[in-house]
Amino acid sequence: MKKEVLANGLTVIYEKFSGRSVVIQVMIKAGSNHENSQERGISHFLEHILFEGTKKRLTNREISNEIEKIGGDINAYTSNERTCFYVRVLKKHFSVAIGVLADILQNPLLRPEDIEREKNIVLKEIEMVNDEPRFYQWILLQKNLFLKHPCKNPTYGDVNIIKGLTKDKILKYFNKYYVPNNMVVSIVGDVNNWKEEMKKYFIAPKRILAKAEVVLEPKVIRNNVKVEKRKITNTYAVWGFKTVPEGNNDSYVLEVINGILGRGQSGRMFTEIRSNRGLAYDVGTQNISEVTFGYFAVYATVDKKNVNLVKDLIMKELQRLKNIDENDLKEAKDFVEGDYLLDLDDGQKVADQVLFWEQLGDANKMKDFVPRIKKVTIKDVGRVVDKYFNNYTMVVLEGK
């Protein structure tokens, strides 16, 4: 892995990766957590609107076709902590890919007519998320699990704020965060001229960055339950527990716990709730460890009458973690290792991991993940259960 900071402050990380393709992914260290109360949804909106035209490529089609006509992929995503744009092409088209990404990130037109049209598209996307219980249950969980941390606000934003977006508001946010010294580029592939190409295309000047606000999230001291009634057949329930950000020692223990409880069809939650009792079709766990927040969740889609029974079974399984043996621990560690390393056979996922760990402080830490997992002990698991799994936030989308 090679790292270069250009004169304008842009950080470029190159990871040599054999194969025909090259992936270029640009991270802007700004997501929904960085928005103030009058900006909610603007990060996600920018992800959309930057594809709508530049000074060189006037339309969405011109931008996308430049990559798609050579068989490549171009896309983007927004999260709480970051916004990323990426291109995957044959490595012989490396220069084309760099040029397109640099163009949309440095020369957007932000035409008022495009903004108005894109508002309708984003609002439809929000409606789609809210209409689908499997998506909306996670929005509802974060909203109720966190009290002060901005991750309680959905990445898609606030409908009224999106309706009121103007070119001036968008440009102000763009100029604040879309600057070279707030961006990191990961290049994953086998190319030789990556430094020269980056210097050629990414020419925007360095700017002064605003300091990020640090939010202290209060500890959970009691259980919290939120129920929303829906005109649906099934009931969707999630139990969430506030934990720690990635990099904290306990985050690795939580990954192992996730391996015990939630791996595929052999995890303990699936085995007990679906295989043994037939109480749910969709059941599992998630461990979310981000840059500034973390939570562990158990989810199940059940009949309304069985919610409390499933809750009791989940709490029982969490406490059973205190009695795991060495074989349980080894299987969970092997699962986490395999799941993590198999993902890294995909160049785009490597690019994404490079940026994630760089935002945490050092991209090289991605190579320490598996060794840290292997150090987790049975004692660590019991300690973490006692520390984080005493009080839950339960959200329920109650069906008929």
Protein backbone atom coordinates (compact mmCIF):
# COMPACT_ATOMS: atom_id res chain seq x y z
CA MET A 1 0.00 0.00 0.00
CA LYS A 2 1.37 3.41 -1.00
CA LYS A 3 0.10 6.77 0.23
CA GLU A 4 0.67 10.19 -1.31
CA VAL A 5 -0.62 13.59 -0.20
CA LEU A 6 -0.73 15.99 -3.15
CA ALA A 7 0.19 19.67 -2.89
CA ASN A 8 -3.50 20.65 -2.64
CA GLY A 9 -4.04 18.32 0.34
CA LEU A 10 -5.72 15.46 -1.53
CA THR A 11 -4.76 12.08 -0.07
CA VAL A 12 -4.25 9.25 -2.57
CA ILE A 13 -3.80 5.61 -1.51
CA TYR A 14 -2.70 3.00 -4.03
CA GLU A 15 -3.17 -0.71 -3.38
CA LYS A 16 -1.73 -3.01 -6.04
CA PHE A 17 -4.31 -5.62 -7.01
CA SER A 18 -3.89 -8.17 -9.79
CA GLY A 19 -6.53 -8.56 -12.45
CA ARG A 20 -7.96 -6.83 -15.50
CA SER A 21 -9.79 -4.07 -13.65
CA VAL A 22 -8.95 -0.99 -11.65
CA VAL A 23 -11.22 0.69 -9.11
CA ILE A 24 -11.00 4.38 -8.26
CA GLN A 25 -13.07 5.47 -5.29
CA VAL A 26 -13.23 8.98 -3.88
CA MET A 27 -14.36 9.58 -0.30
CA ILE A 28 -15.58 12.96 0.86
CA LYS A 29 -15.39 13.00 4.65
CA ALA A 30 -18.91 14.37 4.97
CA GLY A 31 -22.16 12.50 5.43
CA SER A 32 -25.45 13.10 7.18
CA ASN A 33 -23.68 13.37 10.56
CA HIS A 34 -22.00 16.55 9.35
CA GLU A 35 -25.23 18.37 8.47
CA ASN A 36 -26.80 21.00 10.69
CA SER A 37 -30.53 21.11 11.37
CA GLN A 38 -31.15 23.14 8.19
CA GLU A 39 -29.09 20.87 5.94
CA ARG A 40 -30.54 17.42 6.61
CA GLY A 41 -30.43 15.42 3.40
CA ILE A 42 -28.04 17.68 1.53
CA SER A 43 -25.16 15.15 1.53
CA HIS A 44 -27.37 12.54 -0.10
CA PHE A 45 -28.83 15.11 -2.49
CA LEU A 46 -25.34 16.12 -3.62
CA GLU A 47 -24.55 12.48 -4.35
CA HIS A 48 -27.45 12.60 -6.83
CA ILE A 49 -27.07 16.03 -8.35
CA LEU A 50 -23.35 15.77 -9.14
CA PHE A 51 -24.20 13.20 -11.82
CA GLU A 52 -26.53 15.64 -13.61
CA GLY A 53 -23.98 17.59 -15.60
CA THR A 54 -20.61 19.33 -15.62
CA LYS A 55 -19.04 22.07 -17.73
CA LYS A 56 -17.47 19.38 -19.94
CA ARG A 57 -20.20 16.70 -19.82
CA LEU A 58 -23.52 18.50 -19.88
CA THR A 59 -25.93 15.68 -19.06
CA ASN A 60 -26.30 12.62 -16.87
CA ARG A 61 -26.12 10.44 -19.96
CA GLU A 62 -22.83 11.96 -21.10
CA ILE A 63 -21.30 11.25 -17.71
CA SER A 64 -22.58 7.68 -17.32
CA ASN A 65 -22.06 6.74 -20.97
CA GLU A 66 -18.39 7.69 -20.81
CA ILE A 67 -17.90 4.80 -18.38
CA GLU A 68 -20.63 2.41 -19.48
CA LYS A 69 -19.67 2.43 -23.16
CA ILE A 70 -16.34 0.84 -22.16
CA GLY A 71 -18.06 -1.77 -19.98
CA GLY A 72 -17.38 -0.05 -16.67
CA ASP A 73 -19.47 0.78 -13.61
CA ILE A 74 -19.98 4.17 -12.01
CA ASN A 75 -21.93 4.76 -8.82
CA ALA A 76 -22.00 6.49 -5.45
CA TYR A 77 -23.39 6.18 -1.95
CA THR A 78 -23.95 8.33 1.13
CA SER A 79 -23.70 7.19 4.74
CA ASN A 80 -23.72 8.87 8.13
CA GLU A 81 -19.97 9.44 8.00
CA ARG A 82 -18.99 9.80 4.33
CA THR A 83 -20.00 10.19 0.70
CA CYS A 84 -18.24 8.02 -1.88
CA PHE A 85 -18.08 8.00 -5.67
CA TYR A 86 -16.46 5.12 -7.52
CA VAL A 87 -15.66 3.83 -10.98
CA ARG A 88 -14.56 0.34 -12.00
CA VAL A 89 -13.09 -0.13 -15.49
CA LEU A 90 -10.54 -2.17 -17.37
CA LYS A 91 -7.15 -0.87 -16.31
CA LYS A 92 -6.40 0.34 -19.84
CA HIS A 93 -9.19 2.91 -19.30
CA PHE A 94 -7.75 4.16 -16.00
CA SER A 95 -7.20 7.70 -17.28
CA VAL A 96 -10.81 7.95 -18.52
CA ALA A 97 -12.14 6.91 -15.12
CA ILE A 98 -9.98 9.44 -13.25
CA GLY A 99 -11.05 12.18 -15.63
CA VAL A 100 -14.78 11.51 -15.18
CA LEU A 101 -14.58 11.37 -11.37
CA ALA A 102 -12.50 14.53 -11.19
CA ASP A 103 -14.92 16.32 -13.49
CA ILE A 104 -18.10 15.59 -11.51
CA LEU A 105 -16.38 16.41 -8.20
CA GLN A 106 -14.81 19.68 -9.35
CA ASN A 107 -17.02 21.11 -12.09
CA PRO A 108 -20.72 20.45 -11.35
CA LEU A 109 -23.22 22.75 -13.05
CA LEU A 110 -25.92 22.51 -10.33
CA ARG A 111 -28.51 23.95 -12.71
CA PRO A 112 -31.75 25.04 -10.98
CA GLU A 113 -33.85 22.95 -13.38
CA ASP A 114 -31.79 19.84 -12.56
CA ILE A 115 -32.14 20.52 -8.83
CA GLU A 116 -35.92 20.77 -9.09
CA ARG A 117 -36.16 17.56 -11.10
CA GLU A 118 -33.83 15.69 -8.73
CA LYS A 119 -35.89 16.75 -5.73
CA ASN A 120 -38.77 14.65 -7.05
CA ILE A 121 -36.47 11.65 -7.53
CA VAL A 122 -35.01 11.90 -4.01
CA LEU A 123 -38.46 12.34 -2.47
CA LYS A 124 -39.62 9.21 -4.28
CA GLU A 125 -36.59 7.36 -2.91
CA ILE A 126 -37.53 8.44 0.62
CA GLU A 127 -41.10 7.24 0.09
CA MET A 128 -39.77 3.89 -1.13
CA VAL A 129 -37.60 3.45 1.98
CA ASN A 130 -40.45 4.42 4.31
CA ASP A 131 -42.89 2.11 2.50
CA GLU A 132 -40.63 -0.93 2.85
CA PRO A 133 -40.56 -2.29 6.44
CA ARG A 134 -37.23 -4.08 5.94
CA PHE A 135 -35.61 -0.70 5.20
CA TYR A 136 -37.65 1.53 7.49
CA GLN A 137 -37.11 -0.60 10.61
CA TRP A 138 -33.46 0.52 10.64
CA ILE A 139 -34.42 4.18 10.25
CA LEU A 140 -36.79 3.80 13.19
CA LEU A 141 -34.15 2.02 15.29
CA GLN A 142 -31.44 4.66 14.94
CA LYS A 143 -33.98 7.44 15.52
CA ASN A 144 -34.96 5.91 18.88
CA LEU A 145 -31.69 4.30 19.96
CA PHE A 146 -29.66 7.52 19.88
CA LEU A 147 -30.65 10.63 21.80
CA LYS A 148 -28.10 13.26 20.79
CA HIS A 149 -25.73 11.77 18.21
CA PRO A 150 -26.60 12.96 14.66
CA CYS A 151 -26.77 9.35 13.44
CA LYS A 152 -30.30 9.41 14.86
CA ASN A 153 -31.26 11.39 11.74
CA PRO A 154 -31.81 9.36 8.53
CA THR A 155 -29.21 9.74 5.82
CA TYR A 156 -31.92 10.62 3.30
CA GLY A 157 -32.72 13.75 5.28
CA ASP A 158 -35.78 15.86 5.99
CA VAL A 159 -38.50 16.10 3.32
CA ASN A 160 -39.25 19.79 3.94
CA ILE A 161 -35.58 20.75 3.84
CA ILE A 162 -35.08 18.88 0.57
CA LYS A 163 -38.09 20.63 -0.95
CA GLY A 164 -36.52 23.98 -0.03
CA LEU A 165 -33.03 23.32 -1.41
CA THR A 166 -31.61 25.97 -3.75
CA LYS A 167 -28.45 26.19 -5.78
CA ASP A 168 -26.96 28.64 -3.26
CA LYS A 169 -27.57 26.29 -0.31
CA ILE A 170 -26.14 23.31 -2.16
CA LEU A 171 -23.12 25.26 -3.40
CA LYS A 172 -22.36 26.51 0.11
CA TYR A 173 -22.27 22.95 1.45
CA PHE A 174 -20.32 21.72 -1.59
CA ASN A 175 -17.65 24.41 -1.18
CA LYS A 176 -17.34 23.61 2.52
CA TYR A 177 -16.76 19.86 2.24
CA TYR A 178 -15.92 18.94 -1.37
CA VAL A 179 -12.36 20.22 -1.13
CA PRO A 180 -9.15 18.24 -1.77
CA ASN A 181 -7.96 18.30 1.84
CA ASN A 182 -11.28 16.74 2.94
CA MET A 183 -11.11 13.96 0.35
CA VAL A 184 -9.28 10.64 0.04
CA VAL A 185 -8.91 8.62 -3.16
CA SER A 186 -8.26 4.88 -3.16
CA ILE A 187 -6.93 3.23 -6.30
CA VAL A 188 -7.05 -0.55 -6.36
CA GLY A 189 -5.52 -2.30 -9.37
CA ASP A 190 -2.27 -2.73 -11.26
CA VAL A 191 -1.44 0.65 -12.79
CA ASN A 192 1.86 2.53 -12.88
CA ASN A 193 0.95 6.13 -13.60
CA TRP A 194 -1.50 6.77 -10.76
CA LYS A 195 0.39 9.74 -9.23
CA GLU A 196 0.69 11.56 -12.54
CA GLU A 197 -2.96 11.00 -13.44
CA MET A 198 -4.17 12.26 -10.06
CA LYS A 199 -2.05 15.40 -10.30
CA LYS A 200 -3.28 15.98 -13.84
CA TYR A 201 -7.01 15.84 -13.07
CA PHE A 202 -7.54 16.70 -9.39
CA ILE A 203 -6.44 20.32 -9.46
CA ALA A 204 -8.88 22.08 -7.11
CA PRO A 205 -7.17 24.26 -4.47
CA LYS A 206 -6.86 23.46 -0.77
CA ARG A 207 -9.30 25.22 1.57
CA ILE A 208 -9.64 25.79 5.30
CA LEU A 209 -11.74 23.07 6.92
CA ALA A 210 -14.30 23.60 9.64
CA LYS A 211 -13.73 21.63 12.85
CA ALA A 212 -16.11 18.74 13.38
CA GLU A 213 -18.41 18.94 16.38
CA VAL A 214 -17.97 16.22 18.98
CA VAL A 215 -21.25 14.90 20.39
CA LEU A 216 -21.37 13.02 23.69
CA GLU A 217 -24.09 10.38 23.55
CA PRO A 218 -25.63 9.56 26.94
CA LYS A 219 -25.53 5.98 28.21
CA VAL A 220 -28.63 3.78 28.13
CA ILE A 221 -30.08 3.39 31.63
CA ARG A 222 -33.48 1.82 30.84
CA ASN A 223 -35.30 -0.14 28.15
CA ASN A 224 -37.08 1.86 25.46
CA VAL A 225 -39.94 0.57 23.28
CA LYS A 226 -41.39 2.25 20.19
CA VAL A 227 -44.34 0.74 18.29
CA GLU A 228 -45.73 1.91 14.95
CA LYS A 229 -48.83 0.26 13.51
CA ARG A 230 -48.79 -0.66 9.82
CA LYS A 231 -51.32 -2.16 7.42
CA ILE A 232 -49.07 -5.15 6.77
CA THR A 233 -49.33 -8.86 7.51
CA ASN A 234 -46.08 -9.42 9.39
CA THR A 235 -44.62 -7.60 12.37
CA TYR A 236 -41.05 -6.35 12.07
CA ALA A 237 -39.09 -6.01 15.32
CA VAL A 238 -35.54 -4.90 16.06
CA TRP A 239 -33.72 -4.84 19.40
CA GLY A 240 -30.80 -2.39 19.48
CA PHE A 241 -27.96 -1.90 21.96
CA LYS A 242 -25.61 1.08 21.90
CA THR A 243 -21.98 -0.02 21.73
CA VAL A 244 -18.72 1.57 20.52
CA PRO A 245 -17.13 2.94 17.33
CA GLU A 246 -14.79 0.85 15.19
CA GLY A 247 -11.24 0.59 16.53
CA ASN A 248 -12.31 0.39 20.15
CA ASN A 249 -11.07 -2.91 21.60
CA ASP A 250 -14.65 -3.99 22.30
CA SER A 251 -15.60 -3.56 18.63
CA TYR A 252 -13.60 -6.71 17.78
CA VAL A 253 -15.32 -8.66 20.55
CA LEU A 254 -18.69 -7.55 19.18
CA GLU A 255 -17.70 -8.88 15.75
CA VAL A 256 -17.03 -12.27 17.32
CA ILE A 257 -20.38 -12.14 19.14
CA ASN A 258 -22.03 -11.36 15.82
CA GLY A 259 -20.30 -14.46 14.43
CA ILE A 260 -21.75 -16.61 17.20
CA LEU A 261 -25.28 -15.26 17.04
CA GLY A 262 -25.85 -14.17 13.47
CA ARG A 263 -23.79 -16.08 10.91
CA GLY A 264 -26.03 -17.35 8.11
CA GLN A 265 -28.26 -20.29 8.98
CA SER A 266 -26.00 -21.69 11.71
CA GLY A 267 -26.01 -18.67 14.02
CA ARG A 268 -27.65 -19.15 17.39
CA MET A 269 -30.48 -16.67 16.77
CA PHE A 270 -31.49 -18.35 13.49
CA THR A 271 -31.19 -21.82 15.02
CA GLU A 272 -33.32 -21.07 18.07
CA ILE A 273 -35.96 -18.73 16.66
CA ARG A 274 -36.44 -20.12 13.14
CA SER A 275 -35.05 -23.67 12.95
CA ASN A 276 -36.11 -24.92 16.39
CA ARG A 277 -39.32 -22.96 16.95
CA GLY A 278 -40.51 -21.75 13.54
CA LEU A 279 -41.31 -18.28 14.89
CA ALA A 280 -39.75 -16.21 12.09
CA TYR A 281 -38.62 -16.43 8.49
CA ASP A 282 -36.21 -13.48 8.56
CA VAL A 283 -34.04 -13.35 11.70
CA GLY A 284 -30.46 -12.31 12.35
CA THR A 285 -28.03 -9.85 13.90
CA GLN A 286 -26.00 -6.83 12.84
CA ASN A 287 -22.94 -5.26 14.39
CA ILE A 288 -22.48 -1.67 13.24
CA SER A 289 -19.17 -0.03 14.15
CA GLU A 290 -18.63 3.34 12.49
CA VAL A 291 -16.16 6.19 12.94
CA THR A 292 -18.07 7.96 15.74
CA PHE A 293 -20.81 5.52 16.84
CA GLY A 294 -21.74 1.86 17.11
CA TYR A 295 -24.65 -0.43 17.88
CA PHE A 296 -25.54 -4.10 17.93
CA ALA A 297 -28.98 -5.24 16.74
CA VAL A 298 -31.11 -8.36 16.57
CA TYR A 299 -34.01 -8.41 14.10
CA ALA A 300 -36.90 -10.78 13.46
CA THR A 301 -40.03 -10.75 11.29
CA VAL A 302 -42.77 -12.47 13.30
CA ASP A 303 -46.48 -12.68 14.02
CA LYS A 304 -47.63 -9.86 16.29
CA LYS A 305 -48.66 -12.31 19.03
CA ASN A 306 -45.11 -13.71 19.24
CA VAL A 307 -43.13 -10.48 19.73
CA ASN A 308 -42.71 -10.86 23.49
CA LEU A 309 -41.84 -14.54 23.21
CA VAL A 310 -39.15 -13.76 20.63
CA LYS A 311 -37.85 -10.94 22.81
CA ASP A 312 -37.43 -13.36 25.74
CA LEU A 313 -35.63 -15.86 23.52
CA ILE A 314 -33.27 -13.15 22.26
CA MET A 315 -32.40 -12.01 25.78
CA LYS A 316 -31.80 -15.62 26.77
CA GLU A 317 -29.42 -16.14 23.84
CA LEU A 318 -27.51 -12.99 24.75
CA GLN A 319 -26.98 -14.25 28.30
CA ARG A 320 -25.96 -17.71 27.02
CA LEU A 321 -22.94 -16.00 25.46
CA LYS A 322 -21.37 -16.06 28.92
CA ASN A 323 -21.12 -19.84 28.69
CA ILE A 324 -19.52 -20.35 25.28
CA ASP A 325 -16.67 -22.84 24.92
CA GLU A 326 -13.44 -22.77 22.89
CA ASN A 327 -15.11 -24.42 19.90
CA ASP A 328 -17.84 -21.74 19.81
CA LEU A 329 -15.16 -19.07 19.93
CA LYS A 330 -13.04 -20.66 17.20
CA GLU A 331 -16.00 -21.10 14.83
CA ALA A 332 -16.99 -17.45 15.28
CA LYS A 333 -13.45 -16.22 14.68
CA ASP A 334 -13.12 -18.38 11.57
CA PHE A 335 -16.44 -17.01 10.29
CA VAL A 336 -15.38 -13.37 10.80
CA GLU A 337 -11.99 -14.01 9.17
CA GLY A 338 -13.50 -15.76 6.15
CA ASP A 339 -16.28 -13.23 5.70
CA TYR A 340 -13.84 -10.33 5.86
CA LEU A 341 -11.09 -11.75 3.65
CA LEU A 342 -13.43 -13.16 0.99
CA ASP A 343 -14.88 -9.67 0.57
CA LEU A 344 -11.35 -8.43 -0.12
CA ASP A 345 -11.20 -10.56 -3.27
CA ASP A 346 -13.42 -7.83 -4.77
CA GLY A 347 -11.46 -4.75 -5.86
CA GLN A 348 -14.30 -2.34 -5.14
CA LYS A 349 -14.69 -3.68 -1.61
CA VAL A 350 -10.95 -3.33 -1.08
CA ALA A 351 -11.20 0.30 -2.20
CA ASP A 352 -14.06 0.85 0.22
CA GLN A 353 -12.19 -0.73 3.14
CA VAL A 354 -9.08 1.33 2.43
CA LEU A 355 -11.14 4.51 2.72
CA PHE A 356 -13.03 3.34 5.81
CA TRP A 357 -9.84 2.61 7.75
CA GLU A 358 -8.16 5.77 6.49
CA GLN A 359 -11.06 7.79 7.88
CA LEU A 360 -10.44 6.00 11.17
CA GLY A 361 -6.85 7.23 11.05
CA ASP A 362 -4.74 4.81 9.01
CA ALA A 363 -5.63 2.63 6.01
CA ASN A 364 -3.03 0.08 7.09
CA LYS A 365 -5.23 -0.80 10.07
CA MET A 366 -7.39 -2.87 7.73
CA LYS A 367 -4.58 -5.45 7.83
CA ASP A 368 -4.79 -5.58 11.63
CA PHE A 369 -8.49 -6.49 11.69
CA VAL A 370 -8.11 -10.29 11.55
CA PRO A 371 -5.20 -10.41 14.04
CA ARG A 372 -7.29 -8.34 16.47
CA ILE A 373 -10.21 -10.75 16.02
CA LYS A 374 -7.95 -13.71 16.79
CA LYS A 375 -6.98 -12.16 20.14
CA VAL A 376 -10.56 -12.15 21.48
CA THR A 377 -11.05 -14.47 24.47
CA ILE A 378 -14.01 -16.16 26.16
CA LYS A 379 -13.52 -13.75 29.05
CA ASP A 380 -13.77 -10.80 26.63
CA VAL A 381 -17.12 -12.07 25.34
CA GLY A 382 -18.62 -12.35 28.84
CA ARG A 383 -17.32 -8.91 29.80
CA VAL A 384 -18.82 -7.26 26.68
CA VAL A 385 -22.20 -8.95 27.22
CA ASP A 386 -22.35 -7.50 30.75
CA LYS A 387 -21.22 -4.09 29.51
CA TYR A 388 -23.56 -3.47 26.56
CA PHE A 389 -26.52 -5.87 26.60
CA ASN A 390 -28.37 -4.88 29.76
CA ASN A 391 -30.74 -2.27 28.28
CA TYR A 392 -32.26 -2.30 24.82
CA THR A 393 -34.23 -0.09 22.48
CA MET A 394 -36.95 -2.14 20.81
CA VAL A 395 -38.76 -0.85 17.73
CA VAL A 396 -41.76 -2.63 16.29
CA LEU A 397 -43.59 -2.16 12.99
CA GLU A 398 -46.78 -3.88 14.09
CA GLY A 399 -48.75 -5.75 11.46
CA LYS A 400 -52.29 -7.09 11.51
